[in-house]
Protein backbone atom coordinates (compact mmCIF):
# COMPACT_ATOMS: atom_id res chain seq x y z
CA MET A 1 165.55 36.58 119.61
CA GLU A 2 164.08 39.02 117.09
CA ASN A 3 167.59 40.34 116.39
CA VAL A 4 168.81 36.80 115.60
CA ILE A 5 165.91 36.20 113.22
CA ALA A 6 166.61 39.51 111.48
CA LEU A 7 170.28 38.55 111.13
CA GLU A 8 169.38 35.16 109.63
CA GLU A 9 167.07 36.84 107.11
CA LEU A 10 169.84 39.28 106.22
CA GLU A 11 172.27 36.41 105.57
CA GLN A 12 169.70 34.61 103.42
CA ASN A 13 169.23 37.70 101.27
CA LYS A 14 172.93 38.07 100.43
CA ASP A 15 172.67 35.74 97.43
CA VAL A 16 169.41 37.18 96.12
CA GLY A 17 169.23 39.85 93.41
CA SER A 18 169.56 43.45 94.55
CA GLU A 19 165.86 44.14 93.94
CA GLU A 20 165.00 41.48 96.53
CA ARG A 21 167.57 42.41 99.13
CA LYS A 22 166.35 44.06 102.30
CA THR A 23 167.30 47.69 102.50
CA GLN A 24 168.70 49.22 105.66
CA ALA A 25 165.32 50.84 106.27
CA GLN A 26 163.57 47.48 106.01
CA ILE A 27 166.03 45.95 108.44
CA LEU A 28 165.44 48.79 110.91
CA VAL A 29 161.68 48.32 110.65
CA GLY A 30 162.18 44.60 111.27
CA LEU A 31 164.24 45.36 114.35
CA ALA A 32 161.20 47.18 115.76
CA SER A 33 158.92 44.17 115.34
CA ASP A 34 158.74 43.58 119.10
CA MET A 35 157.65 47.16 119.81
CA LEU A 36 154.04 48.12 120.52
CA LEU A 37 153.20 51.05 118.24
CA PHE A 38 150.39 53.50 119.02
CA TYR A 39 149.49 57.20 118.82
CA ASP A 40 148.09 59.83 121.16
CA GLU A 41 145.23 62.31 120.89
CA GLN A 42 147.45 64.80 119.08
CA GLY A 43 148.30 62.19 116.45
CA SER A 44 151.90 61.78 117.62
CA ALA A 45 153.26 58.24 117.18
CA TYR A 46 154.90 56.28 120.02
CA ALA A 47 156.61 52.97 120.65
CA LYS A 48 156.54 50.86 123.82
CA VAL A 49 159.97 49.24 123.97
CA LYS A 50 161.35 46.46 126.17
CA VAL A 51 164.65 47.62 127.67
CA LYS A 52 166.38 45.20 130.05
CA ASN A 53 163.71 44.23 132.60
CA HIS A 54 161.25 47.08 132.04
CA HIS A 55 159.32 48.91 129.31
CA GLU A 56 159.88 52.46 128.10
CA ILE A 57 157.67 54.80 126.07
CA TRP A 58 159.31 56.96 123.40
CA PRO A 59 158.03 59.09 120.54
CA ILE A 60 158.96 57.38 117.31
CA ARG A 61 160.79 60.51 116.15
CA SER A 62 162.74 60.85 119.39
CA SER A 63 166.51 60.52 119.57
CA ASP A 64 166.05 57.85 122.24
CA LEU A 65 164.21 55.50 119.90
CA LYS A 66 166.75 56.18 117.17
CA LEU A 67 169.55 55.14 119.52
CA ILE A 68 167.71 51.95 120.45
CA LEU A 69 167.30 51.04 116.76
CA ILE A 70 170.91 51.93 115.96
CA GLY A 71 172.11 49.77 118.85
CA ARG A 72 170.13 46.80 117.55
CA TYR A 73 171.39 47.41 114.01
CA LEU A 74 175.02 47.53 115.15
CA GLU A 75 174.65 44.12 116.79
CA LEU A 76 173.65 42.66 113.41
CA ASN A 77 176.10 44.48 111.18
CA GLU A 78 179.48 44.30 112.89
CA ASP A 79 179.30 47.84 114.24
CA LYS A 80 178.34 49.39 110.90
CA ALA A 81 175.73 52.11 111.48
CA PRO A 82 172.71 52.61 109.19
CA GLY A 83 172.58 55.62 106.91
CA GLY A 84 170.68 58.75 107.83
CA GLN A 85 168.20 58.41 104.98
CA ALA A 86 167.55 54.78 105.88
CA MET A 87 166.78 55.78 109.46
CA SER A 88 164.44 58.54 108.28
CA ASP A 89 162.63 56.12 105.97
CA ALA A 90 162.32 53.54 108.75
CA LEU A 91 160.88 56.05 111.20
CA THR A 92 158.38 57.21 108.59
CA ALA A 93 157.29 53.60 108.08
CA LEU A 94 156.97 53.03 111.83
CA GLU A 95 154.93 56.22 112.19
CA ALA A 96 152.59 55.02 109.47
CA LYS A 97 152.20 51.64 111.16
CA ALA A 98 151.44 53.33 114.47
CA ARG A 99 148.79 55.61 112.95
CA ILE A 100 147.19 52.98 110.69
CA HIS A 101 147.40 49.81 112.77
CA GLY A 102 148.04 51.09 116.29
CA GLU A 103 145.49 52.14 118.87
CA LYS A 104 144.91 55.68 120.12
CA SER A 105 146.01 55.90 123.75
CA ASN A 106 146.49 58.60 126.36
CA VAL A 107 150.10 59.52 127.03
CA HIS A 108 150.72 61.27 130.33
CA VAL A 109 153.34 63.58 131.77
CA ARG A 110 154.40 62.86 135.38
CA ILE A 111 150.79 62.41 136.66
CA ALA A 112 148.05 60.09 135.37
CA GLU A 113 144.55 59.54 136.66
CA THR A 114 142.28 56.56 136.04
CA GLU A 115 138.86 55.68 137.42
CA ASP A 116 140.26 54.18 140.61
CA ALA A 117 143.88 55.33 140.88
CA ILE A 118 146.38 58.14 140.55
CA TYR A 119 149.88 57.45 139.21
CA LEU A 120 153.07 59.44 139.74
CA ASP A 121 155.97 58.78 137.37
CA LEU A 122 159.19 58.64 139.38
CA CYS A 123 161.16 59.19 136.15
CA ASN A 124 163.88 56.82 137.32
CA GLU A 125 165.89 54.43 135.16
CA GLU A 126 163.61 51.52 136.07
CA TRP A 127 160.52 53.45 134.90
CA GLN A 128 158.76 52.86 138.21
CA VAL A 129 155.58 54.68 139.21
CA VAL A 130 153.73 55.31 142.46
CA GLU A 131 150.23 53.85 142.37
CA ILE A 132 147.77 55.55 144.75
CA LYS A 133 144.37 53.97 145.41
CA LYS A 134 141.79 54.40 148.15
CA GLU A 135 143.19 51.28 149.85
CA GLY A 136 146.70 52.73 150.01
CA TRP A 137 149.73 53.36 147.81
CA GLN A 138 152.77 51.46 146.55
CA VAL A 139 155.66 51.71 144.11
CA VAL A 140 155.09 49.45 141.08
CA ASP A 141 157.61 48.35 138.46
CA GLU A 142 155.25 48.11 135.47
CA SER A 143 153.01 51.11 134.87
CA PRO A 144 149.50 50.28 133.61
CA VAL A 145 149.37 53.71 131.91
CA TYR A 146 151.72 55.32 129.40
CA PHE A 147 154.08 58.08 130.53
CA LYS A 148 156.33 60.14 128.28
CA ARG A 149 159.40 62.00 129.47
CA SER A 150 161.26 65.08 128.35
CA ARG A 151 164.95 65.82 128.81
CA ILE A 152 164.31 68.29 131.61
CA MET A 153 162.32 65.92 133.83
CA GLN A 154 164.35 64.65 136.79
CA PRO A 155 163.89 61.49 138.90
CA ILE A 156 162.11 61.44 142.24
CA ALA A 157 163.30 59.22 145.07
CA ALA A 158 160.63 56.69 146.02
CA PRO A 159 158.33 58.00 148.77
CA THR A 160 158.50 56.54 152.24
CA LYS A 161 155.72 55.83 154.72
CA ASN A 162 157.11 57.39 157.88
CA GLY A 163 156.76 61.11 157.14
CA ARG A 164 154.37 63.92 157.97
CA VAL A 165 153.19 66.69 155.69
CA GLU A 166 154.22 69.16 158.42
CA ASP A 167 157.83 68.23 157.66
CA LEU A 168 157.54 70.66 154.74
CA LYS A 169 157.15 73.72 156.99
CA PRO A 170 160.86 74.47 157.57
CA PHE A 171 161.50 74.60 153.82
CA ILE A 172 158.85 77.07 152.66
CA ASN A 173 157.99 80.59 153.70
CA PHE A 174 154.44 81.53 154.63
CA ASN A 175 152.69 84.18 156.68
CA ASP A 176 150.29 82.14 158.81
CA GLU A 177 148.66 78.74 159.19
CA SER A 178 145.95 79.60 156.67
CA ASP A 179 148.51 80.32 153.95
CA TYR A 180 150.38 77.10 154.82
CA LYS A 181 147.17 75.10 154.41
CA LEU A 182 146.48 76.76 151.06
CA ILE A 183 149.95 75.74 149.88
CA ILE A 184 149.28 72.14 150.94
CA ALA A 185 145.93 72.29 149.14
CA TRP A 186 147.68 73.44 145.97
CA LEU A 187 150.21 70.59 146.24
CA LEU A 188 147.38 68.06 146.55
CA SER A 189 145.67 69.57 143.51
CA THR A 190 148.70 68.77 141.34
CA PHE A 191 147.91 65.04 141.62
CA LYS A 192 144.49 65.42 139.94
CA GLU A 193 145.23 65.21 136.23
CA ASP A 194 141.65 65.66 135.03
CA SER A 195 140.58 68.59 137.23
CA PRO A 196 141.25 72.33 136.89
CA PHE A 197 144.22 73.62 138.86
CA PRO A 198 144.33 76.83 140.86
CA ILE A 199 147.30 78.99 139.92
CA LEU A 200 149.59 79.44 142.91
CA THR A 201 150.71 83.07 142.96
CA ILE A 202 153.53 83.79 145.40
CA GLN A 203 154.24 87.46 146.09
CA GLY A 204 156.69 89.15 148.40
CA GLU A 205 159.46 91.68 148.67
CA GLN A 206 163.09 90.90 148.02
CA GLY A 207 164.36 88.49 150.65
CA SER A 208 161.06 86.71 151.21
CA SER A 209 162.24 83.41 149.68
CA LYS A 210 159.82 83.47 146.73
CA SER A 211 162.12 81.57 144.38
CA THR A 212 163.22 79.02 146.99
CA THR A 213 159.64 78.29 148.02
CA THR A 214 158.74 77.85 144.35
CA LYS A 215 161.67 75.48 143.76
CA VAL A 216 160.81 73.38 146.83
CA LEU A 217 157.17 72.92 145.80
CA ARG A 218 158.11 71.95 142.25
CA ALA A 219 160.88 69.61 143.43
CA LEU A 220 158.45 67.55 145.50
CA ILE A 221 156.28 66.55 142.54
CA ASP A 222 158.02 67.46 139.28
CA PRO A 223 161.75 68.20 139.68
CA SER A 224 163.38 69.70 136.62
CA SER A 225 166.92 70.23 135.37
CA LEU A 226 165.93 73.71 134.20
CA PRO A 227 166.06 76.64 136.58
CA LEU A 228 162.82 78.51 137.14
CA ARG A 229 161.53 79.88 133.85
CA ALA A 230 160.97 83.39 132.62
CA LEU A 231 157.47 83.89 131.31
CA PRO A 232 157.05 82.74 127.68
CA LYS A 233 156.53 85.50 125.16
CA ASP A 234 153.33 84.06 123.72
CA GLU A 235 150.76 81.27 123.87
CA LYS A 236 152.74 79.11 121.44
CA ASP A 237 155.77 78.95 123.74
CA LEU A 238 153.51 78.35 126.73
CA ALA A 239 151.97 75.36 124.94
CA ILE A 240 155.42 73.95 124.16
CA ALA A 241 156.52 74.38 127.78
CA ALA A 242 153.33 72.71 129.03
CA ASN A 243 153.86 69.76 126.70
CA ASN A 244 157.28 69.03 128.19
CA THR A 245 156.69 69.25 131.92
CA TRP A 246 153.97 68.92 134.55
CA ILE A 247 154.38 71.90 136.86
CA LEU A 248 155.11 75.21 135.17
CA ALA A 249 157.02 77.56 137.46
CA PHE A 250 157.66 81.17 136.41
CA ASP A 251 160.07 83.31 138.37
CA ASN A 252 160.39 87.01 139.16
CA LEU A 253 157.37 88.26 137.22
CA SER A 254 156.30 91.87 137.08
CA GLY A 255 152.71 91.88 135.90
CA LEU A 256 151.10 89.95 133.06
CA SER A 257 150.01 91.09 129.63
CA ASN A 258 146.34 90.59 128.84
CA PRO A 259 147.02 87.82 126.26
CA MET A 260 149.30 85.95 128.68
CA SER A 261 146.79 86.34 131.50
CA ASP A 262 144.16 84.77 129.26
CA ALA A 263 146.55 81.96 128.23
CA LEU A 264 147.33 81.12 131.86
CA ALA A 265 143.62 81.08 132.65
CA LYS A 266 143.18 78.54 129.83
CA LEU A 267 146.06 76.49 131.20
CA SER A 268 144.41 76.44 134.62
CA THR A 269 141.01 75.18 133.53
CA GLY A 270 141.74 73.35 130.29
CA GLY A 271 141.36 75.67 127.33
CA GLY A 272 143.08 74.89 124.04
CA LEU A 273 146.58 76.30 123.50
CA ALA A 274 147.55 76.58 119.85
CA THR A 275 151.01 76.00 118.39
CA ARG A 276 152.57 74.75 115.17
CA LYS A 277 152.72 71.01 114.67
CA LEU A 278 156.18 69.50 114.83
CA TYR A 279 157.85 69.12 111.41
CA SER A 280 155.25 71.41 109.83
CA ASP A 281 155.28 75.11 108.95
CA ASP A 282 151.58 75.54 108.34
CA GLU A 283 149.69 72.83 110.23
CA GLU A 284 148.40 74.09 113.56
CA SER A 285 148.08 71.80 116.56
CA VAL A 286 145.79 72.65 119.46
CA PHE A 287 146.80 71.20 122.82
CA GLN A 288 143.92 70.66 125.23
CA ILE A 289 146.19 70.92 128.23
CA MET A 290 145.69 71.64 131.91
CA ARG A 291 148.78 72.17 134.02
CA PRO A 292 149.54 73.29 137.57
CA ALA A 293 151.43 76.58 137.58
CA ILE A 294 153.34 78.72 140.08
CA LEU A 295 153.93 82.42 139.49
CA ASN A 296 156.15 84.50 141.74
CA GLY A 297 157.09 88.16 141.85
CA ILE A 298 157.34 91.27 143.97
CA ASP A 299 154.31 93.19 142.72
CA ASP A 300 150.69 92.15 142.34
CA ILE A 301 151.17 89.73 139.44
CA GLY A 302 147.64 88.93 138.35
CA LYS A 303 145.22 91.80 137.88
CA ARG A 304 142.48 90.48 135.61
CA GLN A 305 139.53 89.13 137.56
CA ASP A 306 139.13 85.93 135.53
CA LEU A 307 142.73 84.94 136.40
CA LEU A 308 142.47 85.99 140.05
CA ASP A 309 139.30 83.94 140.41
CA ARG A 310 141.39 80.90 139.43
CA SER A 311 144.27 81.74 141.77
CA ILE A 312 145.55 81.14 145.27
CA VAL A 313 147.48 84.27 146.22
CA ILE A 314 150.12 83.93 148.93
CA ASN A 315 151.89 87.05 150.23
CA LEU A 316 155.17 86.11 151.89
CA PRO A 317 156.72 87.92 154.85
CA SER A 318 160.35 88.99 154.72
CA ILE A 319 162.83 86.59 156.33
CA PRO A 320 165.19 88.15 158.90
CA GLU A 321 168.88 87.58 158.20
CA SER A 322 169.21 85.78 161.53
CA LYS A 323 166.91 83.01 160.25
CA ARG A 324 168.57 82.49 156.86
CA THR A 325 170.37 79.24 156.00
CA ASP A 326 173.12 78.76 153.45
CA GLU A 327 172.03 77.08 150.20
CA LYS A 328 174.09 73.91 150.61
CA THR A 329 172.75 73.16 154.09
CA PHE A 330 169.19 74.06 153.13
CA TRP A 331 169.00 71.71 150.13
CA LYS A 332 170.81 68.91 151.94
CA GLU A 333 168.22 69.02 154.72
CA PHE A 334 165.32 69.29 152.28
CA ASN A 335 166.52 66.37 150.18
CA SER A 336 166.79 64.24 153.31
CA LYS A 337 163.10 64.90 154.07
CA LYS A 338 161.69 64.96 150.54
CA SER A 339 160.74 61.28 150.34
CA ASP A 340 159.00 61.45 153.73
CA ILE A 341 156.96 64.50 152.69
CA LEU A 342 155.98 62.90 149.38
CA GLY A 343 154.92 59.73 151.17
CA ALA A 344 152.74 61.78 153.53
CA LEU A 345 151.09 63.46 150.54
CA CYS A 346 150.44 60.04 148.96
CA THR A 347 148.77 58.84 152.17
CA ILE A 348 146.56 61.93 152.27
CA ILE A 349 145.61 61.44 148.62
CA SER A 350 144.66 57.82 149.31
CA GLY A 351 142.29 58.98 152.03
CA ALA A 352 140.85 61.68 149.77
CA LEU A 353 140.15 59.10 147.04
CA ALA A 354 138.22 57.01 149.57
CA ARG A 355 136.07 59.94 150.73
CA LEU A 356 135.62 61.81 147.45
CA PRO A 357 132.47 59.92 146.30
CA THR A 358 130.58 60.97 149.45
CA THR A 359 131.96 64.51 149.76
CA THR A 360 129.69 67.47 149.01
CA LEU A 361 129.96 71.27 149.09
CA ALA A 362 127.35 73.62 150.52
CA SER A 363 128.12 76.08 147.73
CA LYS A 364 130.38 75.71 144.71
CA PRO A 365 133.09 78.24 143.85
CA ARG A 366 134.45 78.64 140.35
CA MET A 367 137.13 75.98 140.97
CA ALA A 368 134.52 73.55 142.30
CA ASP A 369 136.41 70.32 141.48
CA PHE A 370 139.48 71.58 143.31
CA ALA A 371 137.41 72.64 146.32
CA LEU A 372 135.66 69.27 146.44
CA TRP A 373 138.98 67.40 146.24
CA ILE A 374 140.57 69.28 149.13
CA THR A 375 137.39 69.02 151.21
CA ALA A 376 137.60 65.24 150.70
CA ALA A 377 141.17 65.37 152.05
CA GLU A 378 140.31 67.35 155.21
CA LYS A 379 139.98 64.32 157.48
CA SER A 380 143.33 62.86 156.36
CA LEU A 381 144.89 66.29 156.89
CA GLU A 382 143.31 66.46 160.37
CA TRP A 383 141.63 69.74 159.48
CA HIS A 384 138.21 70.70 160.84
CA PRO A 385 135.23 70.00 158.53
CA GLY A 386 134.65 73.04 156.32
CA GLU A 387 137.94 74.63 157.35
CA PHE A 388 139.39 74.59 153.85
CA MET A 389 136.41 76.32 152.22
CA ALA A 390 136.50 79.10 154.83
CA ILE A 391 140.21 79.68 154.20
CA TYR A 392 139.86 79.39 150.42
CA ASN A 393 136.91 81.77 150.18
CA SER A 394 138.74 84.33 152.29
CA ASN A 395 141.78 84.09 150.02
CA ARG A 396 139.64 84.51 146.89
CA ASP A 397 137.93 87.57 148.34
CA LYS A 398 141.31 89.15 149.11
CA ALA A 399 142.55 88.33 145.60
CA ILE A 400 139.49 89.94 144.05
CA ASP A 401 140.00 93.04 146.19
CA GLN A 402 143.61 93.10 145.03
CA GLY A 403 142.48 93.04 141.42
CA LEU A 404 139.96 95.81 141.94
CA GLU A 405 142.48 98.01 143.71
CA SER A 406 144.94 97.62 140.84
CA ASP A 407 142.28 98.49 138.23
CA PRO A 408 141.71 102.27 138.15
CA PHE A 409 138.58 101.96 136.02
CA ALA A 410 136.99 99.46 138.43
CA THR A 411 137.91 101.67 141.37
CA ALA A 412 136.35 104.70 139.68
CA VAL A 413 133.15 102.79 138.80
CA MET A 414 132.76 101.59 142.40
CA GLU A 415 133.23 105.12 143.69
CA LEU A 416 130.65 106.40 141.20
CA ILE A 417 128.06 103.84 142.32
CA LYS A 418 128.91 104.37 145.97
CA ARG A 419 127.90 108.00 145.58
CA ASN A 420 124.87 107.47 143.34
CA ASP A 421 123.41 104.03 144.23
CA GLU A 422 122.35 103.69 140.59
CA TRP A 423 123.66 104.82 137.23
CA ILE A 424 122.14 104.47 133.72
CA GLY A 425 123.73 105.63 130.47
CA ASN A 426 125.92 104.63 127.57
CA ALA A 427 129.61 103.73 127.51
CA SER A 428 130.83 107.21 126.63
CA GLN A 429 128.79 108.71 129.44
CA LEU A 430 130.13 106.15 131.91
CA LEU A 431 133.70 106.98 130.95
CA SER A 432 133.01 110.67 131.45
CA GLU A 433 131.38 110.12 134.85
CA ALA A 434 134.03 107.67 136.06
CA ALA A 435 136.83 110.01 134.99
CA ARG A 436 135.83 112.33 137.84
CA PHE A 437 137.35 109.76 140.18
CA ALA A 438 140.66 109.32 138.33
CA ASP A 439 143.46 111.70 137.38
CA GLU A 440 144.15 112.77 133.81
CA ARG A 441 147.30 110.67 133.56
CA THR A 442 145.29 107.53 134.38
CA THR A 443 142.49 108.27 131.92
CA ARG A 444 145.07 108.74 129.16
CA SER A 445 146.87 105.47 129.95
CA ASN A 446 146.27 101.96 128.62
CA ALA A 447 144.71 101.06 131.96
CA TRP A 448 141.68 103.17 131.03
CA PRO A 449 139.25 101.64 128.50
CA THR A 450 137.93 103.27 125.36
CA ALA A 451 134.20 103.69 124.76
CA ARG A 452 134.27 100.66 122.49
CA SER A 453 135.88 98.42 125.12
CA VAL A 454 133.88 99.51 128.18
CA ARG A 455 131.33 96.71 127.95
CA ASN A 456 133.97 94.00 127.66
CA ARG A 457 135.84 95.52 130.60
CA LEU A 458 132.70 95.56 132.73
CA ARG A 459 131.99 91.94 131.88
CA ARG A 460 135.47 90.95 133.04
CA ILE A 461 135.16 92.70 136.39
CA ASN A 462 131.52 91.74 136.86
CA PRO A 463 132.16 88.79 139.25
CA ALA A 464 134.10 91.18 141.47
CA LEU A 465 131.38 93.82 141.25
CA LYS A 466 128.82 91.22 142.34
CA LYS A 467 130.88 90.46 145.44
CA LYS A 468 130.79 94.19 146.17
CA SER A 469 126.97 94.11 145.84
CA ILE A 470 126.98 96.01 142.55
CA LEU A 471 124.68 94.78 139.78
CA TYR A 472 125.61 95.35 136.14
CA VAL A 473 123.15 94.86 133.28
CA GLU A 474 123.01 96.13 129.72
CA TRP A 475 120.30 96.31 127.10
CA GLU A 476 120.12 97.38 123.50
CA ASN A 477 118.20 97.92 120.30
CA LYS A 478 119.48 98.39 116.76
CA MET A 479 120.61 101.94 117.45
CA SER A 480 121.94 101.93 121.00
CA LYS A 481 123.44 100.04 123.90
CA THR A 482 122.64 101.14 127.42
CA LEU A 483 124.34 100.18 130.67
CA LYS A 484 123.03 100.08 134.21
CA LEU A 485 124.99 99.81 137.44
CA ALA A 486 123.23 99.71 140.78
CA ILE A 487 123.73 98.83 144.42
CA ILE A 488 122.09 95.50 145.27
CA ASN A 489 119.97 96.02 148.37
CA ASP A 490 118.99 93.19 150.70
CA ASP A 491 115.45 93.18 149.31
CA LYS A 492 116.59 92.88 145.69
CA SER A 493 117.78 89.70 144.04
CA LYS A 494 121.26 89.46 142.54
CA THR A 495 119.75 87.54 139.63
CA SER A 496 116.94 89.91 138.72
CA PRO A 497 116.92 93.11 136.66
CA LEU A 498 115.80 95.07 139.72
CA ASP A 499 112.97 97.47 138.94
CA TYR A 500 112.67 97.03 135.16
CA ASP A 501 109.10 96.55 133.97
CA GLU A 502 107.74 93.34 132.43
CA GLU A 503 107.86 94.68 128.86
CA LYS A 504 111.60 95.40 129.04
CA THR A 505 112.49 92.06 130.61
CA SER A 506 110.47 89.90 128.26
CA SER A 507 113.30 89.36 125.74
CA LEU A 508 116.50 88.00 127.29
CA LEU A 509 119.66 87.75 125.18
CA LYS A 510 123.03 86.21 125.91
CA VAL A 511 126.23 88.17 125.51
CA SER A 512 127.27 85.72 122.80
CA ASP A 513 124.35 86.91 120.67
CA THR A 514 125.91 90.38 120.33
CA LYS A 515 129.19 91.58 118.88
CA ALA A 516 131.48 92.75 121.63
CA ASN A 517 133.14 95.40 119.46
CA ASP A 518 130.00 96.70 117.78
CA ASP A 519 129.30 99.47 120.26
CA ASN A 520 127.33 102.54 119.25
CA ASP A 521 127.05 104.77 122.28
CA ASP A 522 125.40 107.85 120.80
CA ASN A 523 122.20 107.55 122.81
CA ASP A 524 120.65 105.49 125.57
CA ASP A 525 117.24 104.43 124.30
CA ASN A 526 116.54 101.35 126.42
CA SER A 527 114.53 99.11 124.13
CA SER A 528 115.34 95.48 125.02
CA LEU A 529 117.16 94.20 128.07
CA LEU A 530 120.44 92.32 127.71
CA LEU A 531 121.33 90.35 130.81
CA LEU A 532 124.81 88.96 131.21
CA GLU A 533 124.96 85.24 131.75
CA GLN A 534 127.83 83.27 133.24
CA GLU A 535 128.04 79.84 134.84
CA GLU A 536 124.98 79.21 137.06
CA ASP A 537 124.09 82.89 137.51
CA LEU A 538 121.69 84.64 135.14
CA VAL A 539 123.08 88.04 136.00
CA LEU A 540 126.76 88.54 136.79
């Protein structure tokens, strides 16, 4: 109807002076009069468009919206296409209308979460979504939330209600039942848009089906036309990748650089990832994005403690040749079961939503929201109460041990304290003492800190040191910074400065009150105590 009106107006303007005639750009804007224009938290403009019997959401600058406008224009102008400049002008006008007159709305990728429901975008041509509530789940034709799609996102067949989550077992590799349950827990975490995600780290030798297991897990929730990715070179590329897909899957990794380890930690728990704004050379855009991620590789991939503390680490056994299946048969069988497995996950999520408000944890790990969510799902999974936390805590402890073993400085510090019970001195002295437990090649490598970086290094490994019953504190005055490491005995609190006197403990400072790179380690006059503070613990 709107197209007919626009055509009538065009005909009426033929006899009017050129200054009053509608330009191509004006006609294009008129052809968008039925579209709902809005913008997201990043300021990007979108249009909700009626296509056949459903609605679609497209960025105003997308090629998809351009094609829709061109199609409408061709219907009015006997197959004569609008000019490129006219299209650009029209899109600029529509963007302005969206930003000035439209409402700010959340735009989701694959998964959306509201107060009482979780939505999964099936990415099919009908733009259907799965709606999961505590009462159950169903496929709905009209999504109550906005989803955007990228070119790489592939459709998911609608889930069915006759499957079991155990149907996944033949298609993934795992060592034991505990590792299988951790994989299921990670899958369930990917449905919680607003909660931090543990990073699933899959490790194993060649022939352990790392890549296939990764592909299967991604294909259940967020299938993609791209093969598994190589790791981006920097945070900017990671932000772009995260903006265009839900599950990030990185294949065949061999270690992580410190900056990338930090960026992945941000991605897991919701830190800002910075990149350049589209169509701008100098305007920076910060994406507050959380995404589920899978990393796989042969070696120990994550080594920094802050990343390991956010990870589920699965070590895969090798698969004997006698148990291998050809690719064609494997994927045919998996695809025949995929809808059943997804339906089983939806049923479990429905039960978890019902129990979440009354679920509690005896103690909260770093990824407390994730732990609470899976604990709420235990009954639907037919797991024993508390079973998940026992498995999860064991996995975290092993991951922390893995990180310590791969850190020669941490290993040397633990050996030093093991032999001395207590050590007090400055950073240079600690390096000298710890070097007795490392070879010269190690102390000359990048794995060994400098005197100026010792304190930051100790702060990073401090959660792991605590689990090994080693207390780390530091104190300073204007001229010096002094470090103390000590074994925590049963009769000494993990959150007290041990045997320091009242005068030294009277002035507590946070790490943020000092400059991390302002070390002066020439002496160890212990004037005022500096206790490290993180999360609920006073002392790390």
